[in-house]
Amino acid sequence: MTNKEKLGIIAGEGKFPINIAKEANQKGVEVYVICAKNNAYEKDFAPYAKKTTTIKLGQMNSAIKFFKENAVSKAVMAGRVQHVNIFSVMPDLRTAKVLAKIKDMCAETILGAAVAEFKKEGIEFISSSSFMEKCLAQKGVLTKRAPSQEENDSIELGLKISKTMAGLDVGLTCVLCDRAVLALEAMEGTDNCIKRAGEIYASAPIGKGGSIVVVKVARPRQDDRYDLPVIGKGTIRAMKEAKAQVLAIEAQKTIILDIEEVIALADKYNICITAI
C-alpha cells in the first residue's frame, strides 16, 4: 500500500489490531476502525485512527456502511472474538441472510462468508499480517532452550493432531505430555486450553516426570485474511501457570505479538519456543 491510502480494521480483543493500526498510521495510511462491541475499544485506537466506531457482532450492514462512507476499499480482520459469542449474536437482516446460506457455524465458514459479502460492496480484505511481517515467526528455535528428544516426539504427534483438528475447524492447539494428549482447543481459546491442560496434569497423583508441550498450528488451507494463529505474552504466562515447558508453532504462519518481549519472557521462565 502507498501513502494516502486507507485501511479499514475490524478489531477484536488484544493488541494485534492495535499494532496494525499503529504500523499503518506510521506509514502514512489513514486508518478507520470498527471495534467489535465488548471486544475492542475505541480509546485504544484513538492515537492512530482517523475515525473509529463500535458495532455489535452481526451488524454487517452497519460495518459496510461505515467503510463505504469513508471510502475504505481495503480492510483487515484482526484480534480475538471468542467463538462462544456466536450464541449471543443478534444479526441484522443482511447477516441473517448470509448465515442462513452457510453449511455450518464454524469460524472459517462464517468469516469466509462475511469476506465474500464485503467484496460485493467493493471492500476487499487483505492479509491480517499486513504491516506485521516482522512479527511472523521465523523457522528455528527462538529461545535459549531447545526441545529435548522427548519433547520433539510430543511435538511431532501434536502437529499431526493439531493439523487434523484445524482442518475440521475445531481448534488450532493441542497440549501433550510424554506423547499423551492432555487437552484440545475448542471454543475456549488457546490460553484457556493451556490452563485446562495444566489442571489435568496437576491432578495426576503420580508420575509427573514428562514435559508439557503446547503445539499451535495454522489451518491446512489457512486463509491469511482472517484468524491467523497469534501468540503473545499472555500465552507464555498461561504456560508458566500450567508448568508447560515447550511451545511449538508454525513458521511464517504465526504472528508473535511483541516478539522480543515474548522471547525474553519465555527465556526467563525457561520455556522453549520453536517454529517449525
Protein backbone atom coordinates (compact mmCIF):
# COMPACT_ATOMS: atom_id res chain seq x y z
CA MET A 1 0.00 0.00 0.00
CA THR A 2 1.20 3.57 -0.71
CA ASN A 3 0.89 6.72 1.38
CA LYS A 4 -2.50 8.41 1.47
CA GLU A 5 -4.27 5.09 1.06
CA LYS A 6 -6.91 3.98 3.52
CA LEU A 7 -7.13 0.86 5.64
CA GLY A 8 -10.17 -0.42 7.47
CA ILE A 9 -9.76 -2.63 10.53
CA ILE A 10 -12.43 -4.81 12.09
CA ALA A 11 -10.97 -5.20 15.56
CA GLY A 12 -11.45 -7.85 18.20
CA GLU A 13 -9.63 -8.32 21.51
CA GLY A 14 -5.94 -7.96 22.14
CA LYS A 15 -3.01 -5.94 20.83
CA PHE A 16 -2.95 -7.38 17.31
CA PRO A 17 -5.40 -4.90 15.73
CA ILE A 18 -3.90 -2.02 17.75
CA ASN A 19 -0.43 -2.85 16.44
CA ILE A 20 -1.72 -2.98 12.86
CA ALA A 21 -3.33 0.45 13.31
CA LYS A 22 -0.09 1.84 14.74
CA GLU A 23 2.10 0.42 11.95
CA ALA A 24 -0.27 1.56 9.21
CA ASN A 25 -0.51 5.06 10.71
CA GLN A 26 3.28 5.33 10.88
CA LYS A 27 3.43 4.52 7.16
CA GLY A 28 1.04 7.34 6.30
CA VAL A 29 -2.04 5.20 5.76
CA GLU A 30 -5.37 6.58 7.01
CA VAL A 31 -6.90 4.08 9.42
CA TYR A 32 -10.62 3.52 10.00
CA VAL A 33 -11.52 1.13 12.81
CA ILE A 34 -14.66 -0.82 13.60
CA CYS A 35 -14.48 -2.11 17.18
CA ALA A 36 -16.47 -5.27 17.84
CA LYS A 37 -18.58 -4.30 20.84
CA ASN A 38 -17.28 -5.64 24.18
CA ASN A 39 -14.17 -6.95 22.39
CA ALA A 40 -12.29 -3.83 21.27
CA TYR A 41 -12.41 -0.21 22.48
CA GLU A 42 -12.18 3.00 20.51
CA LYS A 43 -9.87 4.73 23.03
CA ASP A 44 -7.12 2.19 22.24
CA PHE A 45 -7.15 3.22 18.56
CA ALA A 46 -7.55 6.98 19.07
CA PRO A 47 -3.81 7.77 18.64
CA TYR A 48 -3.66 6.01 15.26
CA ALA A 49 -7.10 6.08 13.63
CA LYS A 50 -8.68 8.79 11.52
CA LYS A 51 -12.11 7.63 12.64
CA THR A 52 -13.49 4.83 14.83
CA THR A 53 -16.87 3.34 15.60
CA THR A 54 -18.26 0.49 17.67
CA ILE A 55 -20.63 -2.04 16.17
CA LYS A 56 -22.27 -5.11 17.67
CA LEU A 57 -21.35 -8.52 16.28
CA GLY A 58 -23.71 -9.47 13.49
CA GLN A 59 -24.39 -5.93 12.28
CA MET A 60 -22.76 -6.41 8.89
CA ASN A 61 -24.75 -3.72 7.14
CA SER A 62 -23.57 -1.07 9.60
CA ALA A 63 -19.96 -2.17 9.14
CA ILE A 64 -20.20 -1.98 5.34
CA LYS A 65 -21.89 1.42 5.58
CA PHE A 66 -19.09 2.79 7.81
CA PHE A 67 -16.37 1.69 5.40
CA LYS A 68 -18.23 2.94 2.31
CA GLU A 69 -18.98 6.34 3.90
CA ASN A 70 -15.24 6.72 4.47
CA ALA A 71 -14.23 5.40 1.03
CA VAL A 72 -12.41 2.40 2.51
CA SER A 73 -11.82 -0.35 -0.04
CA LYS A 74 -9.08 -2.36 1.76
CA ALA A 75 -9.59 -3.88 5.19
CA VAL A 76 -8.25 -6.43 7.65
CA MET A 77 -9.78 -8.53 10.41
CA ALA A 78 -7.62 -8.84 13.50
CA GLY A 79 -7.97 -9.70 17.18
CA ARG A 80 -9.79 -12.33 19.15
CA VAL A 81 -13.54 -12.66 19.18
CA GLN A 82 -14.46 -15.52 21.47
CA HIS A 83 -16.21 -18.17 19.41
CA VAL A 84 -18.87 -18.60 22.10
CA ASN A 85 -20.14 -15.16 21.08
CA ILE A 86 -21.92 -16.80 18.13
CA PHE A 87 -24.62 -17.85 20.62
CA SER A 88 -25.42 -14.23 21.52
CA VAL A 89 -25.19 -12.57 18.10
CA MET A 90 -28.25 -10.54 17.11
CA PRO A 91 -27.84 -10.42 13.32
CA ASP A 92 -29.22 -7.70 11.12
CA LEU A 93 -31.23 -8.76 8.08
CA ARG A 94 -28.17 -8.88 5.83
CA THR A 95 -26.18 -11.02 8.27
CA ALA A 96 -29.16 -13.30 8.86
CA LYS A 97 -29.41 -13.95 5.12
CA VAL A 98 -25.70 -14.78 4.94
CA LEU A 99 -25.88 -17.12 7.94
CA ALA A 100 -28.90 -18.88 6.51
CA LYS A 101 -26.88 -19.94 3.45
CA ILE A 102 -23.76 -21.36 5.14
CA LYS A 103 -23.22 -25.05 5.84
CA ASP A 104 -22.13 -24.73 9.49
CA MET A 105 -21.28 -22.20 12.20
CA CYS A 106 -17.54 -22.83 12.28
CA ALA A 107 -15.33 -19.72 12.39
CA GLU A 108 -13.76 -20.34 8.99
CA THR A 109 -17.17 -20.72 7.34
CA ILE A 110 -18.67 -17.61 8.94
CA LEU A 111 -15.65 -15.40 8.27
CA GLY A 112 -15.32 -16.63 4.70
CA ALA A 113 -18.95 -15.77 4.02
CA ALA A 114 -18.51 -12.34 5.60
CA VAL A 115 -15.45 -11.61 3.44
CA ALA A 116 -17.42 -12.52 0.32
CA GLU A 117 -20.28 -10.24 1.34
CA PHE A 118 -17.98 -7.25 1.89
CA LYS A 119 -16.36 -7.91 -1.50
CA LYS A 120 -19.77 -7.50 -3.18
CA GLU A 121 -19.66 -3.90 -1.90
CA GLY A 122 -16.14 -3.22 -3.18
CA ILE A 123 -14.39 -3.83 0.15
CA GLU A 124 -11.54 -6.30 -0.15
CA PHE A 125 -9.97 -7.95 2.86
CA ILE A 126 -6.19 -8.30 2.74
CA SER A 127 -3.84 -10.44 4.83
CA SER A 128 -4.22 -9.90 8.57
CA SER A 129 -0.41 -9.99 8.74
CA SER A 130 -0.24 -6.80 6.67
CA PHE A 131 2.06 -4.29 8.35
CA MET A 132 3.10 -7.03 10.80
CA GLU A 133 5.54 -9.03 8.68
CA LYS A 134 8.33 -8.54 11.24
CA CYS A 135 6.19 -10.37 13.79
CA LEU A 136 5.84 -13.54 11.70
CA ALA A 137 7.69 -16.42 13.36
CA GLN A 138 10.86 -17.42 11.51
CA LYS A 139 11.83 -21.08 11.32
CA GLY A 140 14.01 -22.45 14.11
CA VAL A 141 14.37 -22.36 17.89
CA LEU A 142 13.63 -18.81 19.02
CA THR A 143 14.66 -19.13 22.66
CA LYS A 144 17.84 -20.07 24.53
CA ARG A 145 16.50 -23.54 25.29
CA ALA A 146 15.87 -26.09 22.54
CA PRO A 147 13.42 -29.01 22.87
CA SER A 148 14.69 -32.36 24.10
CA GLN A 149 14.19 -35.56 22.11
CA GLU A 150 11.22 -36.49 24.32
CA GLU A 151 9.70 -33.05 23.71
CA ASN A 152 10.32 -33.36 19.96
CA ASP A 153 8.42 -36.65 19.99
CA SER A 154 5.43 -34.89 21.58
CA ILE A 155 5.75 -32.04 19.08
CA GLU A 156 5.65 -34.47 16.16
CA LEU A 157 2.49 -36.12 17.45
CA GLY A 158 0.96 -32.78 18.40
CA LEU A 159 1.46 -31.45 14.88
CA LYS A 160 -0.46 -34.37 13.39
CA ILE A 161 -3.32 -34.00 15.87
CA SER A 162 -3.48 -30.21 15.66
CA LYS A 163 -3.49 -30.23 11.86
CA THR A 164 -6.37 -32.70 11.85
CA MET A 165 -8.35 -30.54 14.29
CA ALA A 166 -7.53 -27.36 12.39
CA GLY A 167 -8.65 -28.98 9.14
CA LEU A 168 -12.02 -29.62 10.76
CA ASP A 169 -12.08 -26.01 12.07
CA VAL A 170 -12.38 -27.19 15.67
CA GLY A 171 -9.31 -25.54 17.17
CA LEU A 172 -5.63 -24.92 16.50
CA THR A 173 -3.96 -26.09 19.71
CA CYS A 174 -3.05 -29.45 21.21
CA VAL A 175 -1.35 -29.86 24.60
CA LEU A 176 0.56 -33.07 25.33
CA CYS A 177 2.80 -34.68 27.90
CA ASP A 178 5.09 -37.60 27.03
CA ARG A 179 3.12 -38.20 23.77
CA ALA A 180 -0.22 -38.29 25.60
CA VAL A 181 -2.87 -35.67 24.82
CA LEU A 182 -3.89 -33.56 27.81
CA ALA A 183 -6.23 -31.07 26.12
CA LEU A 184 -7.52 -29.97 22.71
CA GLU A 185 -8.66 -26.44 21.97
CA ALA A 186 -12.29 -25.76 21.14
CA MET A 187 -14.21 -22.54 21.73
CA GLU A 188 -12.34 -21.57 24.91
CA GLY A 189 -9.21 -20.35 23.09
CA THR A 190 -5.53 -21.23 23.34
CA ASP A 191 -4.70 -19.75 26.74
CA ASN A 192 -7.67 -21.43 28.46
CA CYS A 193 -6.83 -24.71 26.73
CA ILE A 194 -3.30 -24.49 28.16
CA LYS A 195 -4.62 -23.73 31.64
CA ARG A 196 -7.02 -26.67 31.47
CA ALA A 197 -4.17 -28.97 30.44
CA GLY A 198 -2.17 -27.77 33.45
CA GLU A 199 -5.06 -28.55 35.78
CA ILE A 200 -5.41 -32.05 34.32
CA TYR A 201 -1.68 -32.65 34.68
CA ALA A 202 -1.64 -31.34 38.25
CA SER A 203 -4.49 -33.68 39.23
CA ALA A 204 -2.46 -36.77 38.28
CA PRO A 205 -1.47 -38.46 41.57
CA ILE A 206 1.97 -39.71 40.47
CA GLY A 207 4.36 -39.84 37.54
CA LYS A 208 4.86 -36.11 36.91
CA GLY A 209 8.13 -36.51 35.06
CA GLY A 210 7.37 -35.50 31.48
CA SER A 211 7.28 -32.08 29.85
CA ILE A 212 4.05 -30.34 28.94
CA VAL A 213 4.24 -29.39 25.27
CA VAL A 214 1.91 -26.92 23.53
CA VAL A 215 1.51 -27.18 19.76
CA LYS A 216 -0.34 -24.47 17.85
CA VAL A 217 -0.79 -24.58 14.07
CA ALA A 218 -2.49 -22.80 11.19
CA ARG A 219 -5.27 -24.43 9.25
CA PRO A 220 -4.13 -26.73 6.42
CA ARG A 221 -5.65 -24.26 3.93
CA GLN A 222 -5.24 -21.17 6.09
CA ASP A 223 -6.76 -18.04 4.60
CA ASP A 224 -4.40 -15.30 5.76
CA ARG A 225 -7.18 -12.71 5.57
CA TYR A 226 -8.59 -13.83 8.91
CA ASP A 227 -7.99 -15.84 12.07
CA LEU A 228 -4.23 -16.34 11.72
CA PRO A 229 -2.64 -18.07 14.72
CA VAL A 230 -1.39 -15.45 17.20
CA ILE A 231 0.65 -15.82 20.39
CA GLY A 232 1.75 -13.21 22.89
CA LYS A 233 2.91 -12.69 26.45
CA GLY A 234 -0.44 -13.98 27.70
CA THR A 235 0.32 -17.32 26.07
CA ILE A 236 3.66 -17.55 27.86
CA ARG A 237 2.08 -16.59 31.20
CA ALA A 238 -0.58 -19.27 30.71
CA MET A 239 2.20 -21.79 30.04
CA LYS A 240 4.04 -20.71 33.19
CA GLU A 241 0.87 -21.20 35.23
CA ALA A 242 0.31 -24.63 33.68
CA LYS A 243 4.01 -25.57 34.13
CA ALA A 244 4.33 -26.11 30.36
CA GLN A 245 7.88 -26.19 29.03
CA VAL A 246 7.62 -26.08 25.22
CA LEU A 247 5.63 -24.09 22.66
CA ALA A 248 5.79 -25.28 19.03
CA ILE A 249 4.29 -23.03 16.34
CA GLU A 250 4.30 -22.87 12.55
CA ALA A 251 6.97 -20.73 10.92
CA GLN A 252 5.78 -17.95 8.59
CA LYS A 253 2.17 -18.66 9.59
CA THR A 254 2.10 -17.49 13.23
CA ILE A 255 2.09 -13.92 14.50
CA ILE A 256 4.11 -13.29 17.66
CA LEU A 257 2.97 -10.02 19.24
CA ASP A 258 5.74 -8.05 20.98
CA ILE A 259 8.10 -10.72 19.72
CA GLU A 260 11.22 -9.59 21.59
CA GLU A 261 9.33 -9.34 24.89
CA VAL A 262 7.71 -12.75 24.33
CA ILE A 263 11.07 -14.41 23.74
CA ALA A 264 12.61 -12.67 26.77
CA LEU A 265 9.70 -13.78 28.96
CA ALA A 266 9.99 -17.36 27.70
CA ASP A 267 13.72 -17.34 28.45
CA LYS A 268 13.01 -16.02 31.94
CA TYR A 269 10.71 -18.97 32.61
CA ASN A 270 13.00 -21.45 30.79
CA ILE A 271 10.29 -22.11 28.20
CA CYS A 272 11.30 -23.23 24.72
CA ILE A 273 9.65 -21.66 21.68
CA THR A 274 10.32 -23.43 18.40
CA ALA A 275 8.92 -22.53 14.97
CA ILE A 276 8.61 -25.47 12.60
